[in-house]
Protein backbone atom coordinates (compact mmCIF):
# COMPACT_ATOMS: atom_id res chain seq x y z
CA UNK A 1 137.53 73.47 21.15
CA UNK A 2 134.84 73.75 22.88
CA UNK A 3 135.59 73.38 26.72
CA UNK A 4 138.25 75.71 25.93
CA UNK A 5 135.11 78.16 24.76
CA UNK A 6 132.86 77.20 28.06
CA UNK A 7 135.64 78.69 30.06
CA UNK A 8 135.76 81.68 28.60
CA UNK A 9 132.12 81.99 28.77
CA UNK A 10 132.42 81.15 32.32
CA UNK A 11 134.81 83.96 32.75
CA UNK A 12 133.28 86.65 31.17
CA UNK A 13 130.32 85.94 33.47
CA UNK A 14 132.21 86.15 36.71
CA UNK A 15 134.26 89.23 35.59
CA UNK A 16 130.97 90.81 34.38
CA UNK A 17 128.86 89.92 37.87
CA UNK A 18 132.36 90.97 39.86
CA UNK A 19 132.51 94.79 38.32
CA UNK A 20 128.43 94.78 39.00
CA UNK A 21 129.20 93.96 42.29
CA UNK A 22 132.13 97.06 42.71
CA UNK A 23 129.40 99.39 40.84
CA UNK A 24 126.79 98.74 42.82
CA UNK A 25 128.70 98.57 46.10
CA UNK A 26 129.82 102.42 44.73
CA UNK A 27 126.26 103.87 44.52
CA UNK A 28 125.15 102.78 47.62
CA UNK A 29 128.75 104.56 49.14
CA UNK A 30 127.70 107.63 47.01
CA UNK A 31 124.21 107.53 48.11
CA UNK A 32 125.23 107.28 51.97
CA UNK A 33 128.39 110.30 51.93
CA UNK A 34 125.02 112.45 49.76
CA UNK A 35 123.25 111.48 52.47
CA UNK A 36 125.72 112.62 55.44
CA UNK A 37 126.71 115.78 53.91
CA UNK A 38 122.30 116.86 53.20
CA UNK A 39 122.82 116.46 57.63
CA UNK A 40 125.70 118.61 57.64
CA UNK A 41 124.29 121.39 55.68
CA UNK A 42 120.72 121.36 57.17
CA UNK A 43 119.10 124.45 55.50
CA UNK A 44 116.96 125.59 58.49
CA UNK A 45 113.56 127.53 57.86
CA UNK A 46 113.65 131.02 59.91
CA UNK A 47 110.27 133.56 60.43
CA UNK A 48 111.48 137.13 60.50
CA UNK A 49 108.07 139.00 61.35
CA UNK A 50 108.97 142.88 61.57
CA UNK A 51 107.07 145.32 62.74
CA UNK A 52 108.35 148.25 60.99
CA UNK A 53 111.23 149.44 58.59
CA UNK A 54 113.22 151.50 59.98
CA UNK A 55 116.86 152.09 60.17
CA UNK A 56 117.42 150.19 63.97
CA UNK A 57 115.08 147.27 63.78
CA UNK A 58 117.25 146.97 59.90
CA UNK A 59 120.26 146.85 61.98
CA UNK A 60 118.94 144.52 64.36
CA UNK A 61 117.68 141.60 62.07
CA UNK A 62 121.28 142.39 59.99
CA UNK A 63 122.98 141.28 63.51
CA UNK A 64 121.07 138.30 63.80
CA UNK A 65 121.85 137.02 60.38
CA UNK A 66 124.88 136.89 60.87
CA UNK A 67 125.46 135.92 63.84
CA UNK A 68 123.84 132.51 62.18
CA UNK A 69 126.36 132.83 59.68
CA UNK A 70 129.25 132.90 62.09
CA UNK A 71 127.49 129.98 63.34
CA UNK A 72 128.46 127.91 60.33
CA UNK A 73 124.04 127.23 60.17
CA UNK A 74 123.08 127.41 56.71
CA UNK A 75 119.03 129.69 56.61
CA UNK A 76 116.41 130.22 54.64
CA UNK A 77 114.64 133.21 55.62
CA UNK A 78 111.11 134.12 55.10
CA UNK A 79 111.12 137.73 55.91
CA UNK A 80 107.88 140.38 56.44
CA UNK A 81 106.79 143.71 57.75
CA UNK A 82 103.71 144.66 58.49
CA UNK A 83 103.98 148.46 58.05
CA UNK A 84 102.97 149.47 61.46
CA UNK A 85 99.81 147.56 60.66
CA UNK A 86 98.28 145.26 63.39
CA UNK A 87 96.14 143.36 61.21
CA UNK A 88 98.53 142.74 58.93
CA UNK A 89 101.04 142.12 61.97
CA UNK A 90 98.26 139.16 62.75
CA UNK A 91 97.92 138.13 59.53
CA UNK A 92 101.88 137.65 59.06
CA UNK A 93 102.66 135.80 62.42
CA UNK A 94 99.84 133.19 61.48
CA UNK A 95 101.36 132.48 58.09
CA UNK A 96 104.78 131.73 59.50
CA UNK A 97 102.88 129.75 62.16
CA UNK A 98 100.86 127.28 59.23
CA UNK A 99 104.37 127.44 57.12
CA UNK A 100 105.90 125.20 59.72
CA UNK A 101 109.43 127.64 60.04
CA UNK A 102 111.58 126.10 62.44
CA UNK A 103 111.58 128.91 64.09
CA UNK A 104 110.62 132.86 64.48
CA UNK A 105 112.12 135.55 65.26
CA UNK A 106 110.32 138.57 66.08
CA UNK A 107 111.61 142.34 65.55
CA UNK A 108 109.19 144.42 67.76
CA UNK A 109 107.24 144.01 70.99
CA UNK A 110 104.14 144.00 68.60
CA UNK A 111 105.43 141.41 65.84
CA UNK A 112 106.73 139.16 69.39
CA UNK A 113 103.19 139.64 70.99
CA UNK A 114 101.77 138.73 67.71
CA UNK A 115 103.77 135.28 67.47
CA UNK A 116 103.35 134.42 70.76
CA UNK A 117 99.37 134.30 70.45
CA UNK A 118 99.53 132.02 67.10
CA UNK A 119 101.99 129.60 68.00
CA UNK A 120 103.26 127.57 71.39
CA UNK A 121 105.13 125.10 69.62
CA UNK A 122 107.32 126.87 67.28
CA UNK A 123 110.56 128.68 69.14
CA UNK A 124 110.29 132.57 69.03
CA UNK A 125 113.74 134.48 69.34
CA UNK A 126 112.90 138.44 70.05
CA UNK A 127 114.80 141.32 69.80
CA UNK A 128 114.02 145.59 69.67
CA UNK A 129 111.70 144.62 72.88
CA UNK A 130 111.67 147.29 75.79
CA UNK A 131 110.20 144.99 78.45
CA UNK A 132 109.32 141.33 77.80
CA UNK A 133 107.63 140.30 81.30
CA UNK A 134 105.24 143.46 81.27
CA UNK A 135 104.21 142.68 77.51
CA UNK A 136 103.36 139.05 78.87
CA UNK A 137 105.93 137.70 76.76
CA UNK A 138 108.16 135.61 79.48
CA UNK A 139 107.86 135.20 82.83
CA UNK A 140 110.93 136.47 83.83
CA UNK A 141 114.32 137.40 82.95
CA UNK A 142 116.54 134.92 84.12
CA UNK A 143 113.59 131.83 83.61
CA UNK A 144 111.58 132.50 80.25
CA UNK A 145 109.91 129.83 80.65
CA UNK A 146 107.48 128.69 76.96
CA UNK A 147 108.48 128.96 73.72
CA UNK A 148 110.15 132.27 73.78
CA UNK A 149 113.16 134.33 74.27
CA UNK A 150 115.61 137.05 72.81
CA UNK A 151 117.34 140.35 73.80
CA UNK A 152 116.19 143.42 75.24
CA UNK A 153 116.68 147.16 73.51
CA UNK A 154 116.84 149.69 76.80
CA UNK A 155 120.24 149.32 78.42
CA UNK A 156 118.90 149.53 82.38
CA UNK A 157 120.80 152.88 83.42
CA UNK A 158 119.61 154.62 79.94
CA UNK A 159 116.76 156.09 80.73
CA UNK A 160 117.95 157.45 84.19
CA UNK A 161 121.05 158.10 82.52
CA UNK A 162 119.24 160.41 79.85
CA UNK A 163 117.24 162.45 82.21
CA UNK A 164 120.06 163.50 84.55
CA UNK A 165 122.24 164.65 81.63
CA UNK A 166 119.19 166.68 80.36
CA UNK A 167 118.87 168.10 83.62
CA UNK A 168 122.15 168.26 84.47
CA UNK A 169 124.35 168.78 81.35
CA UNK A 170 121.47 170.81 79.18
CA UNK A 171 119.49 172.67 81.88
CA UNK A 172 116.66 171.14 80.87
CA UNK A 173 112.93 171.18 82.86
CA UNK A 174 110.19 170.08 81.11
CA UNK A 175 109.98 167.07 78.60
CA UNK A 176 108.21 166.95 75.19
CA UNK A 177 107.34 162.83 74.88
CA UNK A 178 105.33 161.75 71.38
CA UNK A 179 104.83 158.19 70.80
CA UNK A 180 102.21 155.68 70.00
CA UNK A 181 100.11 154.75 73.54
CA UNK A 182 99.19 151.42 71.55
CA UNK A 183 102.39 150.26 72.02
CA UNK A 184 103.37 148.52 75.11
CA UNK A 185 107.13 149.20 74.88
CA UNK A 186 106.15 152.49 74.26
CA UNK A 187 103.79 152.86 77.44
CA UNK A 188 106.66 151.07 79.52
CA UNK A 189 109.59 153.86 78.79
CA UNK A 190 107.32 156.88 79.15
CA UNK A 191 106.07 155.26 82.97
CA UNK A 192 110.17 155.81 83.97
CA UNK A 193 110.97 158.73 82.02
CA UNK A 194 108.05 160.28 84.14
CA UNK A 195 109.39 158.75 87.42
CA UNK A 196 112.51 159.83 87.06
CA UNK A 197 112.19 163.53 85.89
CA UNK A 198 109.72 163.54 89.39
CA UNK A 199 112.53 162.37 91.37
CA UNK A 200 114.60 165.41 89.92
CA UNK A 201 112.14 167.87 90.06
CA UNK A 202 110.95 168.11 85.81
CA UNK A 203 107.79 168.17 84.56
CA UNK A 204 106.66 165.49 81.59
CA UNK A 205 104.30 167.09 78.60
CA UNK A 206 103.19 164.03 76.50
CA UNK A 207 101.20 163.87 73.10
CA UNK A 208 100.47 160.70 71.49
CA UNK A 209 99.72 159.15 68.06
CA UNK A 210 97.99 156.09 65.93
CA UNK A 211 99.97 156.43 62.83
CA UNK A 212 103.13 158.33 61.79
CA UNK A 213 100.97 161.60 59.68
CA UNK A 214 100.17 163.18 62.60
CA UNK A 215 103.34 163.27 64.47
CA UNK A 216 104.57 166.78 63.18
CA UNK A 217 101.14 167.91 64.68
CA UNK A 218 101.42 166.37 68.14
CA UNK A 219 104.85 167.84 68.00
CA UNK A 220 103.61 171.17 67.12
CA UNK A 221 100.58 170.80 69.89
CA UNK A 222 103.77 171.07 72.76
CA UNK A 223 105.29 173.63 71.43
CA UNK A 224 105.58 176.37 73.95
CA UNK A 225 105.01 173.70 77.01
CA UNK A 226 108.47 172.51 76.61
CA UNK A 227 112.05 173.16 76.82
CA UNK A 228 113.47 169.92 74.78
CA UNK A 229 111.85 166.65 72.86
CA UNK A 230 112.67 163.09 74.20
CA UNK A 231 112.12 160.19 71.73
CA UNK A 232 112.42 156.95 72.72
CA UNK A 233 112.42 153.95 70.38
CA UNK A 234 108.56 154.12 69.43
CA UNK A 235 108.02 152.87 66.53
CA UNK A 236 105.30 154.64 64.85
CA UNK A 237 107.82 158.02 66.08
CA UNK A 238 111.42 156.58 65.14
CA UNK A 239 109.50 155.22 61.39
CA UNK A 240 108.71 158.70 60.99
CA UNK A 241 111.25 160.79 62.73
CA UNK A 242 111.99 163.51 60.64
CA UNK A 243 108.62 165.22 61.26
CA UNK A 244 110.02 165.72 64.96
CA UNK A 245 113.58 166.50 63.83
CA UNK A 246 111.97 169.26 61.30
CA UNK A 247 109.84 171.26 64.26
CA UNK A 248 112.72 170.43 66.59
CA UNK A 249 115.39 172.76 64.38
CA UNK A 250 112.30 175.10 63.55
CA UNK A 251 112.16 176.00 67.20
CA UNK A 252 115.42 175.70 68.07
CA UNK A 253 114.91 173.07 70.93
CA UNK A 254 116.82 169.88 71.04
CA UNK A 255 115.77 166.42 70.61
CA UNK A 256 117.01 163.64 72.25
CA UNK A 257 117.12 160.46 71.59
CA UNK A 258 116.76 156.48 72.17
CA UNK A 259 118.87 154.85 69.67
CA UNK A 260 121.86 156.16 67.31
CA UNK A 261 120.51 155.34 64.41
CA UNK A 262 117.98 158.95 65.19
CA UNK A 263 120.50 160.36 66.15
CA UNK A 264 122.33 159.79 62.83
CA UNK A 265 119.05 161.40 61.37
CA UNK A 266 119.07 164.80 63.15
CA UNK A 267 118.44 164.01 66.70
CA UNK A 268 121.19 165.98 69.23
CA UNK A 269 122.12 162.63 71.39
CA UNK A 270 121.74 159.38 72.90
CA UNK A 271 122.66 157.21 75.52
CA UNK A 272 122.53 153.66 74.07
CA UNK A 273 123.57 150.50 71.70
CA UNK A 274 123.96 149.30 68.70
CA UNK A 275 120.66 147.73 67.68
CA UNK A 276 122.94 145.41 65.55
CA UNK A 277 124.69 143.77 68.42
CA UNK A 278 121.16 143.14 70.25
CA UNK A 279 120.37 141.61 66.74
CA UNK A 280 123.64 139.87 67.08
CA UNK A 281 123.15 138.35 70.72
CA UNK A 282 119.63 137.13 69.52
CA UNK A 283 120.96 135.45 66.64
CA UNK A 284 123.60 133.28 69.33
CA UNK A 285 120.69 131.88 70.91
CA UNK A 286 118.26 131.04 67.86
CA UNK A 287 121.73 128.50 67.46
CA UNK A 288 121.35 126.81 70.29
CA UNK A 289 117.47 126.52 69.65
CA UNK A 290 118.11 125.37 66.03
CA UNK A 291 120.98 123.03 67.38
CA UNK A 292 118.86 121.89 69.83
CA UNK A 293 121.57 122.24 72.73
CA UNK A 294 118.39 124.71 74.52
CA UNK A 295 114.88 125.15 74.49
CA UNK A 296 113.94 129.16 75.09
CA UNK A 297 112.23 128.22 78.56
CA UNK A 298 116.48 127.86 79.81
CA UNK A 299 118.13 130.26 77.73
CA UNK A 300 117.76 133.77 79.91
CA UNK A 301 116.62 137.64 78.23
CA UNK A 302 119.60 139.73 77.93
CA UNK A 303 120.32 143.23 77.97
CA UNK A 304 122.21 145.25 75.82
CA UNK A 305 125.81 144.37 76.79
CA UNK A 306 127.26 148.29 76.86
CA UNK A 307 125.99 151.95 77.25
CA UNK A 308 127.19 155.10 75.73
CA UNK A 309 127.01 158.56 74.24
CA UNK A 310 126.67 159.49 70.66
CA UNK A 311 126.16 163.36 70.09
CA UNK A 312 125.76 164.71 66.72
CA UNK A 313 128.02 167.26 66.01
CA UNK A 314 126.21 168.88 63.56
CA UNK A 315 122.76 169.64 65.54
CA UNK A 316 125.13 170.69 69.00
CA UNK A 317 126.21 173.64 66.53
CA UNK A 318 122.79 174.55 65.65
CA UNK A 319 121.95 175.17 68.92
CA UNK A 320 124.99 176.43 69.74
CA UNK A 321 125.29 173.35 72.65
CA UNK A 322 129.49 173.08 73.19
CA UNK A 323 129.77 169.25 73.52
CA UNK A 324 131.81 168.69 76.57
CA UNK A 325 135.55 167.00 76.71
CA UNK A 326 133.96 164.86 80.40
CA UNK A 327 131.30 163.70 78.39
CA UNK A 328 133.53 161.20 76.81
CA UNK A 329 131.10 161.04 73.66
CA UNK A 330 131.68 159.86 70.29
CA UNK A 331 130.54 162.20 67.24
CA UNK A 332 128.20 161.80 64.24
CA UNK A 333 127.13 163.57 61.46
CA UNK A 334 124.01 164.15 60.00
CA UNK A 335 122.90 161.60 57.12
CA UNK A 336 122.88 162.95 53.85
């Protein structure tokens, strides 16, 4: 009897050891699987710095987000807007760099410049930048160098095509421009407009502003001196475009703008592209960088892929301007 009990005890101990071993093996397998799954679903942290809130920049940010989602990347965003405050713009860049984000998405020229000034290690992808070389963000379009690359918010032919259209189709001789001289983005565009206008025998009158509250007065100062307004992609002015729209409507002057959202807000027309699209292009770049497939220095900066004419039907009717078939324009109405 004692012998049988002893044998049974050994059998029970052996069974317990086997079950324990099996259980331990299952725990290890589960832990390995969790670790593997964690690697496959890594969450990247992206800091977003945007100089001011307006529809075009917001659309670019949405495009950026959608591109990363389409690429299958899991991202946590730290989204901050400077509200056109240069001191806050610098502080945001410093905060993002200190937070140790995996990448900074800089949405505008001032945002990108501030980000570059605070880090040479964290990858920076910009969009809504007009001249990244003159803004000293990159060495060249083809070979950016350093830790910065991105997409440009000016099609190479956009300004030339716009000024020629104003001359040939709208019979404009004197162009009025309101812009913030503190924005490198705007200075580059205004200089280009002046050069092209001069070659066509046109004149350009300008008025500068430092903040949005000055825009209406600046526009009114040009009345009697110009045949039309041309508002480029100036962040300060576009953020308060309604001030220009009001002055243009009262004085029956065409308001030509630099991007499609401004057409929907009351501008007459724009030759341009969708800001969503250049944001999406920037998102594709960011995905390559985050995956380690390329560094910013190895990814050429990109221009918008397409250029088209969009005309505001309501504004054209108010001005008595005929929308010709050969313009091949896409028509929109003013947002209510």
